[in-house]
Amino acid sequence: SGTTWRMIETSRGVFDWNRLRDIYISRTKRSGTGVKILYTFGETPAWANASGDKTLPPDNLDDWRDYVTALVDEIGHDIDYWEIWNE
């Protein structure tokens, strides 16, 4: 869906909420009443670890905390369920 950490925080502290908030959440909410949204965390951005591997954790857990905080502040009220990673 293009809504992973890698796709949203393209560089440290730079967030692109367009796909998640403006496209995915808006369309889902418009599709009908009672629709629930599950957000699955995943895919570490290339800048967040030395290897650039999206399947590895970030080198600095503060980067992860900052992302989660920004995500919850930005769209947390629209998310019904949260899933930690997809594995």
N, C-alpha and C. Protein backbone atom coordinates (compact mmCIF):
# COMPACT_ATOMS: atom_id res chain seq x y z
N SER A 1 0.81 -1.20 0.00
CA SER A 1 0.00 0.00 0.00
C SER A 1 0.85 1.26 0.00
N GLY A 2 2.16 1.12 0.13
CA GLY A 2 3.02 2.30 0.17
C GLY A 2 2.91 3.07 1.46
N THR A 3 2.51 2.40 2.53
CA THR A 3 2.29 3.10 3.79
C THR A 3 3.27 2.66 4.87
N THR A 4 4.40 2.14 4.47
CA THR A 4 5.40 1.67 5.44
C THR A 4 6.27 2.83 5.91
N TRP A 5 7.02 2.57 6.97
CA TRP A 5 7.94 3.58 7.50
C TRP A 5 8.87 4.05 6.40
N ARG A 6 9.38 3.13 5.62
CA ARG A 6 10.31 3.43 4.52
C ARG A 6 9.71 4.42 3.52
N MET A 7 8.43 4.29 3.26
CA MET A 7 7.75 5.14 2.28
C MET A 7 7.31 6.48 2.88
N ILE A 8 7.10 6.52 4.18
CA ILE A 8 6.59 7.72 4.83
C ILE A 8 7.69 8.67 5.27
N GLU A 9 8.73 8.13 5.92
CA GLU A 9 9.83 8.98 6.41
C GLU A 9 11.02 8.78 5.47
N THR A 10 11.04 9.55 4.42
CA THR A 10 12.02 9.36 3.35
C THR A 10 13.43 9.78 3.74
N SER A 11 13.55 10.66 4.71
CA SER A 11 14.81 10.99 5.35
C SER A 11 14.49 11.39 6.78
N ARG A 12 15.47 11.37 7.64
CA ARG A 12 15.22 11.61 9.06
C ARG A 12 14.41 12.90 9.28
N GLY A 13 13.24 12.74 9.87
CA GLY A 13 12.41 13.89 10.21
C GLY A 13 11.59 14.46 9.07
N VAL A 14 11.67 13.86 7.89
CA VAL A 14 10.90 14.32 6.72
C VAL A 14 9.82 13.28 6.43
N PHE A 15 8.58 13.68 6.64
CA PHE A 15 7.46 12.74 6.52
C PHE A 15 6.56 13.12 5.34
N ASP A 16 6.16 12.10 4.61
CA ASP A 16 5.19 12.28 3.52
C ASP A 16 3.95 11.48 3.90
N TRP A 17 2.95 12.18 4.39
CA TRP A 17 1.72 11.53 4.85
C TRP A 17 0.70 11.36 3.73
N ASN A 18 0.99 11.84 2.54
CA ASN A 18 0.01 11.86 1.46
C ASN A 18 -0.62 10.49 1.21
N ARG A 19 0.18 9.50 0.97
CA ARG A 19 -0.39 8.19 0.61
C ARG A 19 -1.20 7.60 1.76
N LEU A 20 -0.67 7.66 2.96
CA LEU A 20 -1.37 7.05 4.10
C LEU A 20 -2.61 7.84 4.50
N ARG A 21 -2.45 9.10 4.80
CA ARG A 21 -3.57 9.90 5.31
C ARG A 21 -4.53 10.32 4.21
N ASP A 22 -3.99 10.94 3.19
CA ASP A 22 -4.84 11.59 2.19
C ASP A 22 -5.42 10.62 1.18
N ILE A 23 -4.77 9.51 0.96
CA ILE A 23 -5.30 8.55 -0.01
C ILE A 23 -5.90 7.34 0.70
N TYR A 24 -5.08 6.59 1.40
CA TYR A 24 -5.53 5.34 2.00
C TYR A 24 -6.62 5.54 3.06
N ILE A 25 -6.35 6.35 4.06
CA ILE A 25 -7.32 6.53 5.14
C ILE A 25 -8.58 7.24 4.65
N SER A 26 -8.42 8.28 3.86
CA SER A 26 -9.59 9.00 3.34
C SER A 26 -10.50 8.09 2.53
N ARG A 27 -9.93 7.32 1.65
CA ARG A 27 -10.74 6.42 0.82
C ARG A 27 -11.40 5.33 1.65
N THR A 28 -10.65 4.79 2.60
CA THR A 28 -11.20 3.74 3.44
C THR A 28 -12.38 4.26 4.26
N LYS A 29 -12.22 5.42 4.86
CA LYS A 29 -13.29 6.00 5.67
C LYS A 29 -14.52 6.33 4.82
N ARG A 30 -14.30 6.75 3.59
CA ARG A 30 -15.42 7.08 2.70
C ARG A 30 -16.15 5.85 2.20
N SER A 31 -15.52 4.68 2.28
CA SER A 31 -16.11 3.47 1.69
C SER A 31 -17.31 2.94 2.46
N GLY A 32 -17.51 3.41 3.67
CA GLY A 32 -18.69 2.98 4.40
C GLY A 32 -18.50 3.05 5.89
N THR A 33 -19.61 3.03 6.58
CA THR A 33 -19.55 3.09 8.03
C THR A 33 -19.09 1.76 8.59
N GLY A 34 -18.46 1.81 9.72
CA GLY A 34 -18.03 0.59 10.37
C GLY A 34 -16.72 0.03 9.87
N VAL A 35 -16.09 0.69 8.91
CA VAL A 35 -14.83 0.22 8.38
C VAL A 35 -13.74 0.46 9.43
N LYS A 36 -12.94 -0.56 9.69
CA LYS A 36 -11.85 -0.48 10.66
C LYS A 36 -10.52 -0.48 9.92
N ILE A 37 -9.58 0.28 10.43
CA ILE A 37 -8.26 0.37 9.79
C ILE A 37 -7.21 -0.26 10.68
N LEU A 38 -6.42 -1.15 10.08
CA LEU A 38 -5.28 -1.79 10.74
C LEU A 38 -4.03 -1.22 10.11
N TYR A 39 -3.12 -0.71 10.94
CA TYR A 39 -1.84 -0.23 10.42
C TYR A 39 -0.76 -1.20 10.87
N THR A 40 0.01 -1.69 9.92
CA THR A 40 1.11 -2.61 10.20
C THR A 40 2.43 -1.87 10.03
N PHE A 41 3.19 -1.80 11.10
CA PHE A 41 4.51 -1.19 11.03
C PHE A 41 5.43 -2.10 10.24
N GLY A 42 6.37 -1.50 9.52
CA GLY A 42 7.34 -2.32 8.82
C GLY A 42 8.21 -1.52 7.88
N GLU A 43 9.25 -2.15 7.41
CA GLU A 43 10.21 -1.65 6.42
C GLU A 43 10.98 -0.43 6.91
N THR A 44 12.12 -0.70 7.47
CA THR A 44 13.03 0.34 7.92
C THR A 44 13.55 1.14 6.74
N PRO A 45 13.56 2.46 6.83
CA PRO A 45 14.11 3.28 5.74
C PRO A 45 15.61 3.02 5.56
N ALA A 46 16.09 3.18 4.36
CA ALA A 46 17.51 2.96 4.06
C ALA A 46 18.41 3.85 4.91
N TRP A 47 17.99 5.05 5.21
CA TRP A 47 18.81 5.97 5.99
C TRP A 47 18.93 5.55 7.45
N ALA A 48 18.04 4.68 7.94
CA ALA A 48 17.98 4.37 9.36
C ALA A 48 18.90 3.24 9.82
N ASN A 49 19.50 2.52 8.89
CA ASN A 49 20.52 1.54 9.30
C ASN A 49 21.64 1.50 8.27
N ALA A 50 22.80 1.15 8.72
CA ALA A 50 24.00 1.21 7.89
C ALA A 50 23.92 0.34 6.64
N SER A 51 23.21 -0.77 6.72
CA SER A 51 23.12 -1.68 5.58
C SER A 51 22.09 -1.22 4.55
N GLY A 52 21.14 -0.37 4.97
CA GLY A 52 20.06 0.04 4.08
C GLY A 52 19.01 -1.03 3.88
N ASP A 53 19.12 -2.14 4.61
CA ASP A 53 18.20 -3.28 4.49
C ASP A 53 16.88 -2.97 5.20
N LYS A 54 15.79 -3.02 4.47
CA LYS A 54 14.49 -2.69 5.03
C LYS A 54 13.98 -3.70 6.05
N THR A 55 14.59 -4.88 6.09
CA THR A 55 14.13 -5.91 7.02
C THR A 55 14.87 -5.89 8.35
N LEU A 56 15.91 -5.07 8.45
CA LEU A 56 16.68 -4.98 9.68
C LEU A 56 16.21 -3.80 10.53
N PRO A 57 16.39 -3.89 11.83
CA PRO A 57 15.97 -2.77 12.69
C PRO A 57 16.85 -1.55 12.46
N PRO A 58 16.40 -0.40 12.90
CA PRO A 58 17.23 0.80 12.77
C PRO A 58 18.44 0.72 13.69
N ASP A 59 19.50 1.40 13.32
CA ASP A 59 20.69 1.45 14.16
C ASP A 59 20.43 2.19 15.46
N ASN A 60 19.55 3.17 15.41
CA ASN A 60 19.24 4.00 16.57
C ASN A 60 17.74 3.87 16.87
N LEU A 61 17.40 3.29 18.00
CA LEU A 61 15.99 3.11 18.33
C LEU A 61 15.24 4.42 18.51
N ASP A 62 15.96 5.51 18.74
CA ASP A 62 15.29 6.81 18.82
C ASP A 62 14.65 7.17 17.48
N ASP A 63 15.23 6.73 16.37
CA ASP A 63 14.62 6.96 15.05
C ASP A 63 13.27 6.27 14.98
N TRP A 64 13.20 5.06 15.49
CA TRP A 64 11.94 4.30 15.52
C TRP A 64 10.92 5.01 16.42
N ARG A 65 11.35 5.41 17.59
CA ARG A 65 10.44 6.12 18.52
C ARG A 65 9.92 7.41 17.90
N ASP A 66 10.80 8.13 17.24
CA ASP A 66 10.39 9.39 16.60
C ASP A 66 9.35 9.13 15.52
N TYR A 67 9.54 8.07 14.74
CA TYR A 67 8.57 7.73 13.69
C TYR A 67 7.22 7.35 14.30
N VAL A 68 7.24 6.47 15.27
CA VAL A 68 5.98 6.03 15.89
C VAL A 68 5.25 7.22 16.51
N THR A 69 5.98 8.08 17.18
CA THR A 69 5.37 9.28 17.78
C THR A 69 4.75 10.18 16.71
N ALA A 70 5.49 10.43 15.65
CA ALA A 70 4.97 11.28 14.57
C ALA A 70 3.74 10.65 13.93
N LEU A 71 3.77 9.36 13.71
CA LEU A 71 2.65 8.65 13.10
C LEU A 71 1.40 8.75 13.97
N VAL A 72 1.55 8.48 15.25
CA VAL A 72 0.41 8.54 16.16
C VAL A 72 -0.12 9.97 16.26
N ASP A 73 0.77 10.93 16.35
CA ASP A 73 0.33 12.33 16.41
C ASP A 73 -0.41 12.74 15.15
N GLU A 74 0.06 12.27 14.00
CA GLU A 74 -0.51 12.69 12.71
C GLU A 74 -1.82 11.99 12.38
N ILE A 75 -1.89 10.67 12.54
CA ILE A 75 -3.08 9.94 12.09
C ILE A 75 -3.59 8.91 13.10
N GLY A 76 -3.04 8.91 14.30
CA GLY A 76 -3.42 7.91 15.29
C GLY A 76 -4.91 7.84 15.57
N HIS A 77 -5.58 8.96 15.50
CA HIS A 77 -7.02 8.98 15.75
C HIS A 77 -7.81 8.23 14.67
N ASP A 78 -7.21 8.00 13.51
CA ASP A 78 -7.90 7.30 12.43
C ASP A 78 -7.61 5.80 12.39
N ILE A 79 -6.65 5.34 13.18
CA ILE A 79 -6.26 3.94 13.18
C ILE A 79 -6.99 3.20 14.30
N ASP A 80 -7.61 2.08 13.95
CA ASP A 80 -8.36 1.30 14.93
C ASP A 80 -7.50 0.22 15.57
N TYR A 81 -6.59 -0.35 14.78
CA TYR A 81 -5.75 -1.44 15.26
C TYR A 81 -4.32 -1.23 14.79
N TRP A 82 -3.37 -1.65 15.62
CA TRP A 82 -1.95 -1.50 15.31
C TRP A 82 -1.29 -2.87 15.36
N GLU A 83 -0.46 -3.15 14.37
CA GLU A 83 0.28 -4.41 14.32
C GLU A 83 1.77 -4.08 14.25
N ILE A 84 2.53 -4.67 15.14
CA ILE A 84 3.97 -4.41 15.18
C ILE A 84 4.68 -5.33 14.20
N TRP A 85 5.14 -4.74 13.13
CA TRP A 85 5.82 -5.42 12.02
C TRP A 85 4.89 -6.44 11.41
N ASN A 86 5.32 -7.08 10.37
CA ASN A 86 4.44 -8.02 9.68
C ASN A 86 4.98 -9.44 9.75
N GLU A 87 5.86 -9.71 10.67
CA GLU A 87 6.42 -11.05 10.78
C GLU A 87 6.03 -11.68 12.10
